[in-house]
N, C-alpha and C. Protein backbone atom coordinates (compact mmCIF):
# COMPACT_ATOMS: atom_id res chain seq x y z
N MET A 1 8.66 -0.15 23.77
CA MET A 1 7.15 0.34 23.73
C MET A 1 6.52 0.73 22.51
N LEU A 2 7.44 1.60 21.44
CA LEU A 2 6.88 2.17 20.22
C LEU A 2 7.64 1.27 19.07
N ALA A 3 8.46 0.60 19.12
CA ALA A 3 9.31 0.10 18.21
C ALA A 3 8.28 -0.77 17.24
N ASP A 4 7.29 -1.26 17.49
CA ASP A 4 6.41 -1.87 16.61
C ASP A 4 5.20 -1.24 16.00
N ALA A 5 4.97 0.06 16.32
CA ALA A 5 4.06 1.09 16.11
C ALA A 5 4.35 1.53 14.84
N GLY A 6 3.34 1.96 14.11
CA GLY A 6 3.48 2.67 12.73
C GLY A 6 3.79 3.85 13.06
N LEU A 7 4.62 4.48 12.33
CA LEU A 7 5.22 6.05 12.22
C LEU A 7 4.19 6.62 11.19
N ILE A 8 4.08 7.92 11.80
CA ILE A 8 2.93 8.93 10.98
C ILE A 8 4.04 10.01 10.77
N GLY A 9 4.20 10.71 9.61
CA GLY A 9 4.96 11.96 9.37
C GLY A 9 3.75 13.04 9.17
N PHE A 10 4.08 14.31 10.09
CA PHE A 10 2.92 15.42 9.68
C PHE A 10 3.80 16.50 8.97
N VAL A 11 3.25 17.18 8.24
CA VAL A 11 3.75 18.21 7.27
C VAL A 11 2.71 19.38 7.07
N PRO A 12 2.92 20.42 7.60
CA PRO A 12 2.10 21.66 7.72
C PRO A 12 1.66 22.05 6.33
N VAL A 13 0.40 22.45 5.73
CA VAL A 13 0.52 22.71 4.31
C VAL A 13 -0.59 24.03 4.72
N LYS A 14 -0.75 24.86 3.70
CA LYS A 14 -1.71 25.86 3.75
C LYS A 14 -2.65 25.46 2.83
N ASP A 15 -2.63 24.73 1.98
CA ASP A 15 -3.63 24.47 0.70
C ASP A 15 -3.43 22.93 0.38
N LEU A 16 -4.71 22.12 0.54
CA LEU A 16 -4.75 20.84 0.44
C LEU A 16 -4.61 20.33 -0.89
N ALA A 17 -5.11 21.36 -1.92
CA ALA A 17 -5.25 20.89 -3.08
C ALA A 17 -3.62 21.00 -3.87
N ALA A 18 -3.33 22.26 -3.29
CA ALA A 18 -2.03 22.19 -3.89
C ALA A 18 -0.93 21.32 -3.57
N ALA A 19 -1.00 20.84 -2.03
CA ALA A 19 -0.15 19.92 -1.77
C ALA A 19 -0.55 18.61 -2.19
N GLU A 20 -1.60 17.96 -2.66
CA GLU A 20 -1.93 16.82 -3.21
C GLU A 20 -1.23 16.98 -4.62
N ALA A 21 -1.36 18.16 -5.45
CA ALA A 21 -0.67 18.28 -6.72
C ALA A 21 0.63 18.32 -6.40
N PHE A 22 1.18 18.56 -5.40
CA PHE A 22 2.78 18.42 -5.28
C PHE A 22 3.28 16.88 -5.06
N PHE A 23 2.63 16.44 -3.75
CA PHE A 23 3.29 15.21 -3.02
C PHE A 23 2.78 14.21 -4.15
N CYS A 24 1.18 14.18 -4.60
CA CYS A 24 1.15 12.86 -5.50
C CYS A 24 1.48 13.38 -7.12
N GLY A 25 1.25 14.44 -7.38
CA GLY A 25 1.68 14.81 -8.70
C GLY A 25 3.27 14.72 -9.14
N LYS A 26 3.76 15.34 -8.23
CA LYS A 26 5.35 15.68 -8.64
C LYS A 26 5.99 14.39 -8.04
N LEU A 27 5.65 14.29 -6.54
CA LEU A 27 6.79 13.18 -5.93
C LEU A 27 6.21 11.51 -6.14
N GLY A 28 4.70 11.66 -6.69
CA GLY A 28 4.29 10.39 -6.82
C GLY A 28 3.99 9.50 -5.57
N LEU A 29 3.33 9.96 -4.47
CA LEU A 29 2.92 9.52 -3.31
C LEU A 29 1.62 9.12 -3.62
N ALA A 30 1.05 8.06 -3.00
CA ALA A 30 -0.25 7.57 -3.03
C ALA A 30 -1.09 8.41 -2.02
N LYS A 31 -2.11 8.72 -2.39
CA LYS A 31 -3.15 9.34 -1.79
C LYS A 31 -4.35 8.37 -1.07
N SER A 32 -4.30 8.43 0.25
CA SER A 32 -5.32 7.43 1.05
C SER A 32 -6.39 8.15 1.42
N GLY A 33 -6.40 9.43 1.33
CA GLY A 33 -7.66 10.07 2.10
C GLY A 33 -7.48 11.63 2.21
N ASN A 34 -8.52 12.29 2.27
CA ASN A 34 -8.43 13.67 2.39
C ASN A 34 -9.95 14.08 3.46
N ASP A 35 -9.68 14.32 4.56
CA ASP A 35 -10.80 14.77 5.41
C ASP A 35 -11.15 16.06 5.40
N GLY A 36 -10.58 17.07 4.87
CA GLY A 36 -10.51 18.22 4.81
C GLY A 36 -9.86 18.87 5.78
N PHE A 37 -9.11 18.20 6.78
CA PHE A 37 -8.15 18.77 7.89
C PHE A 37 -6.79 18.37 7.32
N ALA A 38 -6.81 17.08 6.64
CA ALA A 38 -5.62 16.99 6.28
C ALA A 38 -5.65 15.92 4.95
N LEU A 39 -4.27 15.87 4.25
CA LEU A 39 -4.58 15.11 2.98
C LEU A 39 -3.65 13.97 3.58
N VAL A 40 -4.12 12.57 3.35
CA VAL A 40 -3.28 11.52 3.98
C VAL A 40 -2.47 10.77 2.74
N LEU A 41 -1.26 10.40 2.80
CA LEU A 41 -0.52 9.84 1.88
C LEU A 41 0.02 8.74 2.43
N ARG A 42 0.30 7.58 1.70
CA ARG A 42 1.12 6.70 2.01
C ARG A 42 2.39 6.46 1.13
N GLY A 43 3.48 6.20 1.80
CA GLY A 43 4.76 5.93 1.24
C GLY A 43 5.48 4.75 1.54
N ALA A 44 6.48 4.21 1.23
CA ALA A 44 7.13 2.99 0.94
C ALA A 44 6.79 2.24 2.42
N GLY A 45 6.42 0.72 2.55
CA GLY A 45 5.94 0.16 3.71
C GLY A 45 4.91 0.40 4.40
N GLY A 46 3.97 1.52 3.73
CA GLY A 46 2.52 2.02 4.25
C GLY A 46 2.74 2.99 5.34
N THR A 47 4.07 3.68 5.48
CA THR A 47 4.12 4.91 6.02
C THR A 47 3.31 5.94 6.18
N MET A 48 2.43 6.44 6.90
CA MET A 48 1.39 7.32 6.91
C MET A 48 2.07 8.78 6.88
N ILE A 49 1.79 9.66 5.91
CA ILE A 49 2.02 11.26 5.90
C ILE A 49 0.89 11.83 6.05
N ARG A 50 0.76 12.74 6.93
CA ARG A 50 -0.33 13.59 7.00
C ARG A 50 -0.07 14.96 6.74
N CYS A 51 -0.72 15.61 5.57
CA CYS A 51 -0.24 16.99 5.24
C CYS A 51 -1.44 17.78 5.86
N VAL A 52 -0.97 18.48 7.00
CA VAL A 52 -2.14 18.92 7.73
C VAL A 52 -2.32 20.33 7.57
N LEU A 53 -3.76 20.68 7.37
CA LEU A 53 -3.91 22.09 6.91
C LEU A 53 -3.96 22.97 8.16
N SER A 54 -2.58 24.13 7.94
CA SER A 54 -2.01 25.06 8.72
C SER A 54 -1.83 26.24 8.12
N PRO A 55 -3.23 26.93 8.10
CA PRO A 55 -3.00 28.10 7.35
C PRO A 55 -2.04 29.33 7.65
N ASP A 56 -1.73 29.16 9.30
CA ASP A 56 -0.60 30.34 9.53
C ASP A 56 0.52 29.48 9.66
N ALA A 57 0.81 28.45 9.09
CA ALA A 57 2.12 27.80 9.55
C ALA A 57 3.33 28.60 8.89
N LYS A 58 4.46 28.41 9.29
CA LYS A 58 5.70 28.99 8.98
C LYS A 58 6.67 27.78 8.65
N PRO A 59 7.32 27.79 6.97
CA PRO A 59 8.30 26.67 6.71
C PRO A 59 9.35 27.01 7.61
N GLN A 60 10.31 25.74 8.22
CA GLN A 60 11.45 25.84 8.99
C GLN A 60 12.41 26.11 8.04
N PRO A 61 13.85 26.49 8.59
CA PRO A 61 14.68 26.37 7.60
C PRO A 61 15.50 24.91 7.79
N PHE A 62 15.02 24.17 8.20
CA PHE A 62 15.57 22.66 8.29
C PHE A 62 14.68 21.76 7.80
N THR A 63 15.06 20.28 7.42
CA THR A 63 14.35 19.45 6.84
C THR A 63 13.40 18.90 7.65
N ILE A 64 12.32 18.78 7.25
CA ILE A 64 11.16 18.15 8.20
C ILE A 64 10.66 17.25 7.62
N LEU A 65 11.14 16.38 6.50
CA LEU A 65 10.48 15.18 5.89
C LEU A 65 11.67 14.71 4.98
N GLY A 66 12.10 13.47 4.95
CA GLY A 66 13.00 13.08 3.99
C GLY A 66 12.62 11.49 3.69
N TRP A 67 13.39 11.22 2.43
CA TRP A 67 13.33 9.88 1.86
C TRP A 67 14.65 9.30 1.92
N GLU A 68 14.94 8.04 2.15
CA GLU A 68 16.13 7.26 1.95
C GLU A 68 15.99 6.69 0.79
N VAL A 69 16.88 6.94 -0.28
CA VAL A 69 16.92 6.37 -1.54
C VAL A 69 18.07 5.52 -2.06
N ALA A 70 17.78 4.38 -2.87
CA ALA A 70 18.89 3.73 -3.49
C ALA A 70 19.89 4.30 -4.51
N ASP A 71 19.41 5.16 -5.15
CA ASP A 71 20.11 5.92 -6.26
C ASP A 71 19.80 7.17 -6.32
N ILE A 72 20.60 8.27 -5.35
CA ILE A 72 20.08 9.25 -5.27
C ILE A 72 20.11 10.39 -6.47
N ALA A 73 21.41 10.08 -7.27
CA ALA A 73 21.40 10.67 -8.68
C ALA A 73 20.02 10.49 -9.63
N ALA A 74 19.61 9.25 -9.69
CA ALA A 74 18.43 9.02 -10.67
C ALA A 74 17.19 9.53 -10.02
N SER A 75 17.24 9.36 -8.49
CA SER A 75 15.98 10.58 -7.75
C SER A 75 16.20 11.87 -8.17
N VAL A 76 17.13 12.46 -8.23
CA VAL A 76 17.09 13.72 -8.60
C VAL A 76 16.65 13.94 -9.83
N GLY A 77 17.58 13.20 -11.03
CA GLY A 77 16.84 13.13 -12.08
C GLY A 77 15.22 13.33 -12.34
N GLY A 78 14.52 12.13 -11.47
CA GLY A 78 12.97 12.36 -11.33
C GLY A 78 12.32 13.61 -10.63
N LEU A 79 12.99 14.15 -9.66
CA LEU A 79 12.47 15.53 -9.32
C LEU A 79 12.74 16.29 -10.28
N LYS A 80 13.88 16.57 -11.14
CA LYS A 80 14.05 17.66 -11.80
C LYS A 80 13.01 17.38 -12.86
N LYS A 81 12.59 16.62 -13.50
CA LYS A 81 11.74 15.97 -14.73
C LYS A 81 10.24 16.52 -14.21
N ALA A 82 10.22 16.38 -12.82
CA ALA A 82 8.71 17.06 -12.47
C ALA A 82 9.03 18.40 -12.05
N GLY A 83 9.86 19.07 -12.16
CA GLY A 83 9.90 20.59 -11.96
C GLY A 83 10.39 20.79 -10.67
N VAL A 84 10.84 19.66 -10.03
CA VAL A 84 11.25 20.27 -8.64
C VAL A 84 12.89 20.62 -8.56
N ALA A 85 13.01 21.59 -8.19
CA ALA A 85 14.61 21.94 -7.95
C ALA A 85 15.10 21.75 -7.00
N PRO A 86 16.51 21.56 -6.65
CA PRO A 86 17.24 21.51 -5.59
C PRO A 86 17.35 22.67 -4.82
N ILE A 87 17.72 22.39 -3.48
CA ILE A 87 18.03 24.00 -2.65
C ILE A 87 19.47 24.00 -2.86
N VAL A 88 20.29 25.04 -2.90
CA VAL A 88 21.56 25.18 -3.09
C VAL A 88 22.10 25.71 -1.66
N TYR A 89 22.61 25.27 -1.11
CA TYR A 89 22.95 25.98 0.44
C TYR A 89 24.57 26.82 0.25
N PRO A 90 24.78 27.81 0.74
CA PRO A 90 26.23 28.48 0.38
C PRO A 90 26.99 27.72 1.53
N HIS A 91 26.85 27.16 2.52
CA HIS A 91 27.58 26.38 3.40
C HIS A 91 28.03 25.00 3.12
N PHE A 92 27.37 24.35 2.15
CA PHE A 92 27.73 22.91 1.51
C PHE A 92 28.45 23.19 0.22
N GLU A 93 29.11 22.01 0.07
CA GLU A 93 29.88 21.94 -1.30
C GLU A 93 28.78 20.86 -2.13
N GLN A 94 27.86 21.42 -2.76
CA GLN A 94 26.93 20.55 -3.43
C GLN A 94 27.61 20.55 -4.92
N ASP A 95 27.18 19.29 -5.73
CA ASP A 95 27.53 19.15 -7.29
C ASP A 95 26.23 19.94 -8.06
N GLY A 96 26.34 19.79 -9.50
CA GLY A 96 25.67 20.38 -10.28
C GLY A 96 24.09 20.08 -10.06
N ASP A 97 24.08 18.87 -9.54
CA ASP A 97 22.66 18.59 -9.34
C ASP A 97 22.01 18.98 -7.78
N GLY A 98 23.00 19.62 -7.18
CA GLY A 98 22.53 19.96 -5.84
C GLY A 98 22.72 18.95 -4.72
N ILE A 99 23.52 17.85 -5.24
CA ILE A 99 23.90 16.69 -4.08
C ILE A 99 24.98 17.27 -3.39
N TRP A 100 24.90 17.03 -2.02
CA TRP A 100 26.01 17.18 -1.09
C TRP A 100 26.53 15.87 -0.72
N THR A 101 27.69 15.75 -0.52
CA THR A 101 28.31 14.34 0.11
C THR A 101 28.89 14.61 1.32
N ALA A 102 28.73 13.99 2.23
CA ALA A 102 28.85 13.93 3.76
C ALA A 102 30.40 13.54 3.64
N PRO A 103 31.02 13.61 4.69
CA PRO A 103 32.53 12.92 5.01
C PRO A 103 32.32 11.60 4.68
N ASP A 104 31.62 11.04 5.36
CA ASP A 104 31.30 9.25 5.38
C ASP A 104 30.76 8.94 4.06
N GLY A 105 30.89 9.68 3.19
CA GLY A 105 30.54 9.09 1.90
C GLY A 105 28.85 9.27 1.38
N SER A 106 27.90 9.51 2.44
CA SER A 106 26.33 9.59 2.51
C SER A 106 26.26 10.85 1.52
N LYS A 107 25.22 10.87 0.85
CA LYS A 107 24.74 11.76 0.02
C LYS A 107 23.16 12.46 0.22
N VAL A 108 23.09 13.85 0.08
CA VAL A 108 21.80 14.53 0.42
C VAL A 108 21.48 15.44 -0.42
N VAL A 109 20.40 15.61 -0.69
CA VAL A 109 19.70 16.77 -1.47
C VAL A 109 18.50 17.39 -0.57
N TRP A 110 18.45 18.52 -0.85
CA TRP A 110 17.55 19.13 -0.58
C TRP A 110 16.28 19.83 -1.37
N PHE A 111 14.92 19.96 -1.18
CA PHE A 111 13.96 20.83 -2.09
C PHE A 111 12.83 21.02 -0.94
N ASN A 112 12.40 22.08 -1.68
CA ASN A 112 11.19 22.94 -1.05
C ASN A 112 9.90 22.07 -1.61
N ASP A 113 8.75 21.99 -0.83
CA ASP A 113 7.47 21.64 -1.02
C ASP A 113 6.71 22.96 -1.50
N VAL A 114 5.36 22.88 -2.01
CA VAL A 114 4.77 23.93 -2.55
C VAL A 114 4.69 25.15 -1.33
N ASP A 115 4.90 24.72 -0.11
CA ASP A 115 4.83 25.64 1.37
C ASP A 115 5.88 26.42 1.80
N GLY A 116 7.02 25.67 0.89
CA GLY A 116 8.55 26.30 1.40
C GLY A 116 9.13 25.12 2.56
N ASN A 117 8.24 24.25 2.79
CA ASN A 117 9.22 23.24 3.94
C ASN A 117 10.25 22.48 3.10
N VAL A 118 11.16 22.41 3.90
CA VAL A 118 12.39 21.48 3.25
C VAL A 118 12.31 20.09 3.68
N LEU A 119 12.45 19.47 2.31
CA LEU A 119 12.42 18.08 2.14
C LEU A 119 13.57 17.73 1.81
N SER A 120 13.87 16.44 1.88
CA SER A 120 15.41 15.79 1.34
C SER A 120 15.21 14.37 0.92
N LEU A 121 16.09 14.09 0.11
CA LEU A 121 16.62 12.73 -0.28
C LEU A 121 18.04 12.30 0.19
N SER A 122 18.08 11.23 0.75
CA SER A 122 19.46 10.75 0.96
C SER A 122 19.90 9.46 0.71
N GLN A 123 20.99 9.34 0.39
CA GLN A 123 21.68 7.81 0.10
C GLN A 123 22.74 7.75 0.93
N HIS A 124 22.67 6.59 1.96
CA HIS A 124 23.43 6.59 2.99
C HIS A 124 24.84 5.43 2.54
N ALA A 125 26.05 5.98 3.03
CA ALA A 125 27.29 5.38 2.58
C ALA A 125 26.92 4.05 2.88
N GLY A 126 27.62 3.05 2.02
CA GLY A 126 27.37 1.45 1.97
C GLY A 126 26.38 1.25 1.18
N GLY A 127 25.93 2.02 0.38
CA GLY A 127 24.85 1.69 -0.92
C GLY A 127 23.61 0.99 -0.41
N GLY A 128 22.75 1.85 -0.94
CA GLY A 128 21.37 1.28 -0.88
C GLY A 128 20.67 1.75 0.52
N LYS A 129 19.67 1.16 0.79
CA LYS A 129 18.86 1.57 1.94
C LYS A 129 19.12 0.80 3.14
N LYS A 130 19.08 1.28 4.08
CA LYS A 130 19.53 0.47 5.55
C LYS A 130 18.56 0.30 6.46
N GLY A 131 18.53 -0.88 6.98
CA GLY A 131 17.21 -1.21 8.00
C GLY A 131 17.18 -0.63 9.02
């Protein structure tokens, strides 16, 4: 039923301007609107992400939004240049760039947005993006 419908991601934020500075300025996402209730972003393939104004929102201790990338090391380098630091978890063996390698060879790095939400990049085993 929904296999052909567009997917929308939602991220709670406390300040739309700060969210725009982070998601557009540091991550390079394209802004497609701001209606005062949500900052609307567009990702690859036109996927919509709505950063919804939620003054009382509390960040969760798990990933709420992530991107699949073809070269995680290069992507982490870009994050670092933009001033975005990886999260280092004590229960994962992560390399010097904060990248964890799963048993199947997939790689993941986590980072926070300006509100403390956990975001991630992943490169799945087999190289490149999967469909």
